[in-house]
C-alpha atoms as a PDB file:
ATOM      1  CA  MET A   1      80.184 210.517  13.081  1.00  0.00           C
ATOM      2  CA  ALA A   2      81.639 213.303  15.370  1.00  0.00           C
ATOM      3  CA  GLU A   3      83.505 212.655  18.256  1.00  0.00           C
ATOM      4  CA  SER A   4      81.339 215.192  19.862  1.00  0.00           C
ATOM      5  CA  ALA A   5      78.334 212.752  19.787  1.00  0.00           C
ATOM      6  CA  ILE A   6      80.102 210.712  22.221  1.00  0.00           C
ATOM      7  CA  ARG A   7      78.934 211.493  25.720  1.00  0.00           C
ATOM      8  CA  ALA A   8      80.756 210.564  29.360  1.00  0.00           C
ATOM      9  CA  ARG A   9      78.525 208.715  31.579  1.00  0.00           C
ATOM     10  CA  GLY A  10      78.493 207.526  35.293  1.00  0.00           C
ATOM     11  CA  PRO A  11      78.489 203.974  36.740  1.00  0.00           C
ATOM     12  CA  ILE A  12      75.345 202.262  36.043  1.00  0.00           C
ATOM     13  CA  ALA A  13      74.383 198.803  37.436  1.00  0.00           C
ATOM     14  CA  ASP A  14      74.129 196.126  34.849  1.00  0.00           C
ATOM     15  CA  ALA A  15      70.350 195.257  35.783  1.00  0.00           C
ATOM     16  CA  GLU A  16      69.374 199.100  35.331  1.00  0.00           C
ATOM     17  CA  ALA A  17      71.446 199.243  32.090  1.00  0.00           C
ATOM     18  CA  VAL A  18      69.600 195.911  30.516  1.00  0.00           C
ATOM     19  CA  GLU A  19      66.193 197.741  31.545  1.00  0.00           C
ATOM     20  CA  LEU A  20      66.718 200.630  29.777  1.00  0.00           C
ATOM     21  CA  LEU A  21      68.364 198.785  26.700  1.00  0.00           C
ATOM     22  CA  LEU A  22      65.218 196.851  26.341  1.00  0.00           C
ATOM     23  CA  THR A  23      62.760 199.694  27.233  1.00  0.00           C
ATOM     24  CA  GLY A  24      64.202 203.123  26.010  1.00  0.00           C
ATOM     25  CA  GLU A  25      63.539 205.014  22.939  1.00  0.00           C
ATOM     26  CA  LEU A  26      66.355 205.034  20.525  1.00  0.00           C
ATOM     27  CA  ARG A  27      67.859 207.768  18.507  1.00  0.00           C
ATOM     28  CA  VAL A  28      70.500 207.086  15.924  1.00  0.00           C
ATOM     29  CA  LEU A  29      73.057 209.333  16.234  1.00  0.00           C
ATOM     30  CA  GLY A  30      75.581 208.311  13.348  1.00  0.00           C
ATOM     31  CA  ARG A  31      77.478 205.192  11.907  1.00  0.00           C
ATOM     32  CA  LEU A  32      80.563 204.009  13.974  1.00  0.00           C
ATOM     33  CA  PRO A  33      83.883 203.877  11.974  1.00  0.00           C
ATOM     34  CA  TRP A  34      85.972 200.800  11.008  1.00  0.00           C
ATOM     35  CA  SER A  35      83.128 198.370  11.453  1.00  0.00           C
ATOM     36  CA  SER A  36      82.784 195.385   8.893  1.00  0.00           C
ATOM     37  CA  ASN A  37      78.909 195.452   9.683  1.00  0.00           C
ATOM     38  CA  ALA A  38      76.477 198.311   9.987  1.00  0.00           C
ATOM     39  CA  THR A  39      77.240 199.736  13.454  1.00  0.00           C
ATOM     40  CA  PHE A  40      75.500 202.850  14.989  1.00  0.00           C
ATOM     41  CA  LEU A  41      75.797 204.743  18.028  1.00  0.00           C
ATOM     42  CA  VAL A  42      72.511 205.289  19.612  1.00  0.00           C
ATOM     43  CA  ASP A  43      70.979 207.684  22.375  1.00  0.00           C
ATOM     44  CA  VAL A  44      68.669 205.835  24.733  1.00  0.00           C
ATOM     45  CA  SER A  45      66.140 207.844  26.547  1.00  0.00           C
ATOM     46  CA  PRO A  46      63.910 206.543  29.389  1.00  0.00           C
ATOM     47  CA  GLY A  47      60.100 206.093  28.346  1.00  0.00           C
ATOM     48  CA  GLU A  48      58.403 207.528  25.257  1.00  0.00           C
ATOM     49  CA  ASP A  49      59.022 211.148  25.953  1.00  0.00           C
ATOM     50  CA  PRO A  50      61.078 212.176  22.700  1.00  0.00           C
ATOM     51  CA  GLY A  51      62.393 214.987  24.616  1.00  0.00           C
ATOM     52  CA  ALA A  52      63.729 213.072  27.646  1.00  0.00           C
ATOM     53  CA  GLU A  53      67.262 213.360  28.377  1.00  0.00           C
ATOM     54  CA  PRO A  54      69.229 210.618  27.141  1.00  0.00           C
ATOM     55  CA  ALA A  55      70.187 208.136  29.933  1.00  0.00           C
ATOM     56  CA  LEU A  56      72.988 206.208  28.368  1.00  0.00           C
ATOM     57  CA  GLN A  57      74.402 205.552  24.831  1.00  0.00           C
ATOM     58  CA  ALA A  58      74.429 202.217  23.126  1.00  0.00           C
ATOM     59  CA  VAL A  59      76.153 200.343  20.165  1.00  0.00           C
ATOM     60  CA  TYR A  60      73.192 199.280  18.093  1.00  0.00           C
ATOM     61  CA  LYS A  61      73.933 196.503  15.593  1.00  0.00           C
ATOM     62  CA  PRO A  62      71.019 195.403  13.178  1.00  0.00           C
ATOM     63  CA  ALA A  63      70.743 192.036  11.933  1.00  0.00           C
ATOM     64  CA  ARG A  64      69.763 193.484   8.238  1.00  0.00           C
ATOM     65  CA  GLY A  65      73.107 195.298   8.163  1.00  0.00           C
ATOM     66  CA  GLU A  66      75.366 191.748   8.724  1.00  0.00           C
ATOM     67  CA  ARG A  67      77.487 190.795   5.759  1.00  0.00           C
ATOM     68  CA  PRO A  68      76.782 187.028   4.945  1.00  0.00           C
ATOM     69  CA  LEU A  69      79.246 184.698   6.122  1.00  0.00           C
ATOM     70  CA  HIS A  70      80.534 181.236   4.648  1.00  0.00           C
ATOM     71  CA  ASP A  71      81.394 179.719   8.310  1.00  0.00           C
ATOM     72  CA  PHE A  72      78.455 181.528  10.512  1.00  0.00           C
ATOM     73  CA  PRO A  73      74.850 181.443   9.837  1.00  0.00           C
ATOM     74  CA  PRO A  74      72.943 184.834  10.266  1.00  0.00           C
ATOM     75  CA  GLY A  75      72.153 186.421  13.405  1.00  0.00           C
ATOM     76  CA  LEU A  76      75.536 187.795  14.759  1.00  0.00           C
ATOM     77  CA  HIS A  77      73.415 189.867  16.916  1.00  0.00           C
ATOM     78  CA  ARG A  78      72.127 187.044  18.925  1.00  0.00           C
ATOM     79  CA  ARG A  79      76.061 185.977  19.475  1.00  0.00           C
ATOM     80  CA  GLU A  80      76.950 189.392  20.734  1.00  0.00           C
ATOM     81  CA  THR A  81      74.145 189.055  23.562  1.00  0.00           C
ATOM     82  CA  ALA A  82      75.071 185.427  24.062  1.00  0.00           C
ATOM     83  CA  ALA A  83      78.523 186.822  24.864  1.00  0.00           C
ATOM     84  CA  TYR A  84      77.220 188.971  27.710  1.00  0.00           C
ATOM     85  CA  GLU A  85      74.832 186.310  29.149  1.00  0.00           C
ATOM     86  CA  LEU A  86      78.072 183.951  29.265  1.00  0.00           C
ATOM     87  CA  SER A  87      80.315 186.844  31.065  1.00  0.00           C
ATOM     88  CA  ALA A  88      77.430 187.200  33.599  1.00  0.00           C
ATOM     89  CA  ALA A  89      76.922 183.551  34.097  1.00  0.00           C
ATOM     90  CA  LEU A  90      80.722 183.269  34.754  1.00  0.00           C
ATOM     91  CA  GLY A  91      80.554 186.231  36.969  1.00  0.00           C
ATOM     92  CA  TRP A  92      83.400 188.140  35.471  1.00  0.00           C
ATOM     93  CA  ASP A  93      81.792 191.261  34.086  1.00  0.00           C
ATOM     94  CA  LEU A  94      83.933 191.397  30.939  1.00  0.00           C
ATOM     95  CA  VAL A  95      81.099 192.062  28.296  1.00  0.00           C
ATOM     96  CA  PRO A  96      78.980 195.299  28.593  1.00  0.00           C
ATOM     97  CA  PRO A  97      75.258 194.669  29.048  1.00  0.00           C
ATOM     98  CA  THR A  98      73.759 193.479  25.777  1.00  0.00           C
ATOM     99  CA  VAL A  99      70.170 192.771  24.690  1.00  0.00           C
ATOM    100  CA  VAL A 100      68.197 191.716  21.311  1.00  0.00           C
ATOM    101  CA  ARG A 101      65.591 194.007  20.640  1.00  0.00           C
ATOM    102  CA  ASP A 102      63.929 195.932  17.680  1.00  0.00           C
ATOM    103  CA  GLY A 103      65.338 199.208  16.458  1.00  0.00           C
ATOM    104  CA  PRO A 104      65.121 201.719  14.222  1.00  0.00           C
ATOM    105  CA  LEU A 105      66.621 199.600  11.396  1.00  0.00           C
ATOM    106  CA  GLY A 106      64.891 196.154  12.596  1.00  0.00           C
ATOM    107  CA  PRO A 107      65.719 193.602  15.373  1.00  0.00           C
ATOM    108  CA  GLY A 108      69.442 193.587  16.464  1.00  0.00           C
ATOM    109  CA  SER A 109      72.003 193.896  19.458  1.00  0.00           C
ATOM    110  CA  LEU A 110      72.003 196.881  21.537  1.00  0.00           C
ATOM    111  CA  GLN A 111      75.191 197.041  23.609  1.00  0.00           C
ATOM    112  CA  LEU A 112      76.010 199.612  26.462  1.00  0.00           C
ATOM    113  CA  PHE A 113      78.541 202.157  24.762  1.00  0.00           C
ATOM    114  CA  VAL A 114      82.000 201.890  26.730  1.00  0.00           C
ATOM    115  CA  PRO A 115      83.636 205.688  26.867  1.00  0.00           C
ATOM    116  CA  ALA A 116      87.153 204.160  26.800  1.00  0.00           C
ATOM    117  CA  ASP A 117      90.627 205.434  26.017  1.00  0.00           C
ATOM    118  CA  PHE A 118      90.406 204.261  22.369  1.00  0.00           C
ATOM    119  CA  GLU A 119      94.136 204.572  22.084  1.00  0.00           C
ATOM    120  CA  GLN A 120      94.205 201.661  24.519  1.00  0.00           C
ATOM    121  CA  HIS A 121      94.113 198.222  23.327  1.00  0.00           C
ATOM    122  CA  TYR A 122      95.335 194.692  24.305  1.00  0.00           C
ATOM    123  CA  PHE A 123      99.026 195.237  23.430  1.00  0.00           C
ATOM    124  CA  THR A 124      99.182 198.329  25.797  1.00  0.00           C
ATOM    125  CA  LEU A 125      96.860 197.091  28.515  1.00  0.00           C
ATOM    126  CA  ARG A 126      99.108 193.690  28.869  1.00  0.00           C
ATOM    127  CA  GLU A 127     101.973 196.078  29.993  1.00  0.00           C
ATOM    128  CA  ARG A 128     100.048 196.872  33.284  1.00  0.00           C
ATOM    129  CA  ALA A 129     100.080 193.902  35.805  1.00  0.00           C
ATOM    130  CA  GLU A 130      97.070 195.142  37.739  1.00  0.00           C
ATOM    131  CA  LEU A 131      95.254 194.451  34.732  1.00  0.00           C
ATOM    132  CA  HIS A 132      96.311 190.895  34.466  1.00  0.00           C
ATOM    133  CA  PRO A 133      93.636 189.219  36.419  1.00  0.00           C
ATOM    134  CA  ALA A 134      90.872 190.712  34.070  1.00  0.00           C
ATOM    135  CA  LEU A 135      93.022 189.610  30.948  1.00  0.00           C
ATOM    136  CA  ARG A 136      93.585 186.114  32.449  1.00  0.00           C
ATOM    137  CA  ARG A 137      89.674 186.146  32.660  1.00  0.00           C
ATOM    138  CA  LEU A 138      89.548 187.360  29.175  1.00  0.00           C
ATOM    139  CA  CYS A 139      91.733 184.520  27.773  1.00  0.00           C
ATOM    140  CA  ALA A 140      89.768 181.828  29.455  1.00  0.00           C
ATOM    141  CA  PHE A 141      86.377 183.545  28.190  1.00  0.00           C
ATOM    142  CA  ASP A 142      87.656 183.613  24.620  1.00  0.00           C
ATOM    143  CA  VAL A 143      88.545 179.584  25.009  1.00  0.00           C
ATOM    144  CA  VAL A 144      85.246 178.739  26.228  1.00  0.00           C
ATOM    145  CA  ALA A 145      83.358 181.261  23.994  1.00  0.00           C
ATOM    146  CA  ASN A 146      85.363 179.793  21.058  1.00  0.00           C
ATOM    147  CA  ALA A 147      86.088 183.378  20.046  1.00  0.00           C
ATOM    148  CA  THR A 148      87.195 183.451  16.152  1.00  0.00           C
ATOM    149  CA  ASP A 149      88.080 187.474  16.034  1.00  0.00           C
ATOM    150  CA  ARG A 150      89.378 188.624  19.211  1.00  0.00           C
ATOM    151  CA  LYS A 151      91.804 191.504  17.873  1.00  0.00           C
ATOM    152  CA  GLY A 152      93.717 193.475  20.305  1.00  0.00           C
ATOM    153  CA  GLY A 153      91.240 196.339  19.528  1.00  0.00           C
ATOM    154  CA  HIS A 154      88.391 194.651  20.933  1.00  0.00           C
ATOM    155  CA  VAL A 155      89.721 194.914  24.469  1.00  0.00           C
ATOM    156  CA  LEU A 156      88.911 198.329  26.100  1.00  0.00           C
ATOM    157  CA  LEU A 157      89.589 200.277  29.253  1.00  0.00           C
ATOM    158  CA  GLU A 158      87.273 202.332  30.962  1.00  0.00           C
ATOM    159  CA  GLY A 159      88.223 205.039  33.138  1.00  0.00           C
ATOM    160  CA  ASP A 160      88.024 203.336  36.507  1.00  0.00           C
ATOM    161  CA  ASP A 161      90.754 200.429  34.851  1.00  0.00           C
ATOM    162  CA  HIS A 162      87.579 198.343  33.930  1.00  0.00           C
ATOM    163  CA  VAL A 163      88.543 195.750  31.066  1.00  0.00           C
ATOM    164  CA  TRP A 164      85.700 195.396  28.586  1.00  0.00           C
ATOM    165  CA  ALA A 165      85.471 192.858  25.810  1.00  0.00           C
ATOM    166  CA  ILE A 166      83.540 194.055  22.828  1.00  0.00           C
ATOM    167  CA  ASP A 167      82.767 192.799  19.366  1.00  0.00           C
ATOM    168  CA  ASN A 168      81.653 189.253  20.242  1.00  0.00           C
ATOM    169  CA  GLY A 169      79.596 188.297  17.018  1.00  0.00           C
ATOM    170  CA  LEU A 170      81.798 185.560  15.938  1.00  0.00           C
ATOM    171  CA  CYS A 171      81.683 183.300  18.682  1.00  0.00           C
ATOM    172  CA  PHE A 172      80.264 179.986  19.895  1.00  0.00           C
ATOM    173  CA  HIS A 173      80.686 178.121  16.766  1.00  0.00           C
ATOM    174  CA  ALA A 174      80.277 174.178  17.442  1.00  0.00           C
ATOM    175  CA  VAL A 175      83.699 173.885  15.764  1.00  0.00           C
ATOM    176  CA  PHE A 176      86.668 174.933  17.314  1.00  0.00           C
ATOM    177  CA  LYS A 177      88.084 177.890  15.628  1.00  0.00           C
ATOM    178  CA  LEU A 178      89.757 179.780  18.387  1.00  0.00           C
ATOM    179  CA  ARG A 179      91.530 183.005  17.054  1.00  0.00           C
ATOM    180  CA  THR A 180      92.641 185.608  19.873  1.00  0.00           C
ATOM    181  CA  VAL A 181      95.385 187.730  20.864  1.00  0.00           C
ATOM    182  CA  LEU A 182      95.524 186.540  24.436  1.00  0.00           C
ATOM    183  CA  TRP A 183      98.393 183.990  24.232  1.00  0.00           C
ATOM    184  CA  ASP A 184     100.791 185.625  26.939  1.00  0.00           C
ATOM    185  CA  PHE A 185      99.369 183.324  29.633  1.00  0.00           C
ATOM    186  CA  ALA A 186      99.439 180.102  27.774  1.00  0.00           C
ATOM    187  CA  GLY A 187     100.742 177.302  29.831  1.00  0.00           C
ATOM    188  CA  ASP A 188      99.801 179.052  33.234  1.00  0.00           C
ATOM    189  CA  PRO A 189      97.431 177.635  35.911  1.00  0.00           C
ATOM    190  CA  LEU A 190      94.012 178.758  35.955  1.00  0.00           C
ATOM    191  CA  PRO A 191      93.529 181.164  38.876  1.00  0.00           C
ATOM    192  CA  GLY A 192      91.041 180.251  41.486  1.00  0.00           C
ATOM    193  CA  ASP A 193      88.267 182.747  40.011  1.00  0.00           C
ATOM    194  CA  VAL A 194      88.566 181.143  36.691  1.00  0.00           C
ATOM    195  CA  ARG A 195      88.266 177.839  38.179  1.00  0.00           C
ATOM    196  CA  ASP A 196      85.171 178.876  40.105  1.00  0.00           C
ATOM    197  CA  GLY A 197      83.650 180.506  37.122  1.00  0.00           C
ATOM    198  CA  LEU A 198      84.256 177.597  34.990  1.00  0.00           C
ATOM    199  CA  GLY A 199      83.051 175.125  37.855  1.00  0.00           C
ATOM    200  CA  LEU A 200      79.622 176.877  37.533  1.00  0.00           C
ATOM    201  CA  LEU A 201      79.373 176.459  34.074  1.00  0.00           C
ATOM    202  CA  ALA A 202      80.522 173.040  33.866  1.00  0.00           C
ATOM    203  CA  GLY A 203      78.417 171.936  36.816  1.00  0.00           C
ATOM    204  CA  ASP A 204      75.140 173.359  35.784  1.00  0.00           C
ATOM    205  CA  GLY A 205      75.667 173.935  32.159  1.00  0.00           C
ATOM    206  CA  PRO A 206      74.634 177.171  30.180  1.00  0.00           C
ATOM    207  CA  PRO A 207      71.730 179.246  31.849  1.00  0.00           C
ATOM    208  CA  ALA A 208      68.346 179.613  29.965  1.00  0.00           C
ATOM    209  CA  ALA A 209      69.019 183.224  28.842  1.00  0.00           C
ATOM    210  CA  LEU A 210      72.248 182.078  27.351  1.00  0.00           C
ATOM    211  CA  ALA A 211      71.232 178.591  26.035  1.00  0.00           C
ATOM    212  CA  GLU A 212      68.047 180.070  24.176  1.00  0.00           C
ATOM    213  CA  LEU A 213      70.560 182.295  21.830  1.00  0.00           C
ATOM    214  CA  LEU A 214      72.350 179.399  20.740  1.00  0.00           C
ATOM    215  CA  ASP A 215      71.309 175.999  18.952  1.00  0.00           C
ATOM    216  CA  PRO A 216      71.768 172.929  21.037  1.00  0.00           C
ATOM    217  CA  ALA A 217      74.961 171.795  19.369  1.00  0.00           C
ATOM    218  CA  GLU A 218      76.731 175.135  20.270  1.00  0.00           C
ATOM    219  CA  CYS A 219      75.284 174.777  23.800  1.00  0.00           C
ATOM    220  CA  ASP A 220      76.907 171.440  24.061  1.00  0.00           C
ATOM    221  CA  ALA A 221      80.194 172.395  22.766  1.00  0.00           C
ATOM    222  CA  LEU A 222      80.372 175.518  25.074  1.00  0.00           C
ATOM    223  CA  ALA A 223      79.967 173.225  28.040  1.00  0.00           C
ATOM    224  CA  THR A 224      82.411 170.872  26.819  1.00  0.00           C
ATOM    225  CA  ARG A 225      85.130 173.398  26.133  1.00  0.00           C
ATOM    226  CA  ALA A 226      84.317 174.836  29.974  1.00  0.00           C
ATOM    227  CA  GLU A 227      84.889 171.030  31.270  1.00  0.00           C
ATOM    228  CA  VAL A 228      88.051 170.400  29.342  1.00  0.00           C
ATOM    229  CA  LEU A 229      89.617 173.734  30.194  1.00  0.00           C
ATOM    230  CA  LEU A 230      88.814 173.385  33.913  1.00  0.00           C
ATOM    231  CA  SER A 231      90.044 169.460  33.792  1.00  0.00           C
ATOM    232  CA  ASP A 232      93.524 170.707  31.997  1.00  0.00           C
ATOM    233  CA  GLY A 233      93.746 173.576  34.740  1.00  0.00           C
ATOM    234  CA  ARG A 234      95.845 175.478  32.569  1.00  0.00           C
ATOM    235  CA  PHE A 235      95.628 178.085  29.724  1.00  0.00           C
ATOM    236  CA  PRO A 236      95.790 176.384  26.457  1.00  0.00           C
ATOM    237  CA  THR A 237      98.974 176.775  24.125  1.00  0.00           C
ATOM    238  CA  ASP A 238      99.027 177.156  20.426  1.00  0.00           C
ATOM    239  CA  PRO A 239     101.714 174.954  18.959  1.00  0.00           C
ATOM    240  CA  SER A 240     100.544 175.945  15.309  1.00  0.00           C
ATOM    241  CA  GLY A 241     101.099 179.677  16.043  1.00  0.00           C
ATOM    242  CA  ARG A 242      98.082 180.301  13.587  1.00  0.00           C
ATOM    243  CA  ARG A 243      95.306 180.868  15.973  1.00  0.00           C
ATOM    244  CA  TRP A 244      95.625 184.627  15.506  1.00  0.00           C
ATOM    245  CA  PRO A 245      92.959 186.765  13.841  1.00  0.00           C
ATOM    246  CA  TRP A 246      94.137 189.217  11.169  1.00  0.00           C
ATOM    247  CA  PRO A 247      94.847 192.394  11.807  1.00  0.00           C
ATOM    248  CA  VAL A 248      96.021 191.714  15.054  1.00  0.00           C
ATOM    249  CA  VAL A 249      94.627 195.144  16.211  1.00  0.00           C
END
């Protein structure tokens, strides 16, 4: 797919983005490279007018394009959407708006496309101290979501210095399988905003919009991870040195 297909966009509120993602007309522009599963860039236009100007672009991951895995059941698109619902429930704004809906290649996830600087990734962003609050939230997010494949290239920076986390399909397993590159804050105390978000989740449990995307055992494990992290009061360490994805970028 040619880079010329990617368009800049202005700021958009989550609620407006979600509404457009759920109801807009989709036009596939091409397949995105370097993805293990079928992943497409699409234009999203409001209404049913095929000639309408696209309101935004999105990343479409149809369920039929998922490669079978031995350790995750089918339906990674639902986990992509659950990651957005978790980010929203925590109040951390880390995952772009994502929905489950039907599309040109069948049901799948549809996520707001982030026109990021793709030369940047976690290992470049961590050098900027002003981004550390967002990266600390992402570190906690990965622990709570049980992210098993948080590569450096899955951490994006949008033009206004907004840190985003994408490619969240391998999350929420009931068995602890954490693999992430975010170990720079290991052993540090949890900041107040992280504690506040975890407190909401541990106190109220997963919201309905999140719970309906996971099975009960996964919801229970999610709440337990939030409670344990909050109780510890510090970011976890990795004494084994093995809880890293491969490749790391």
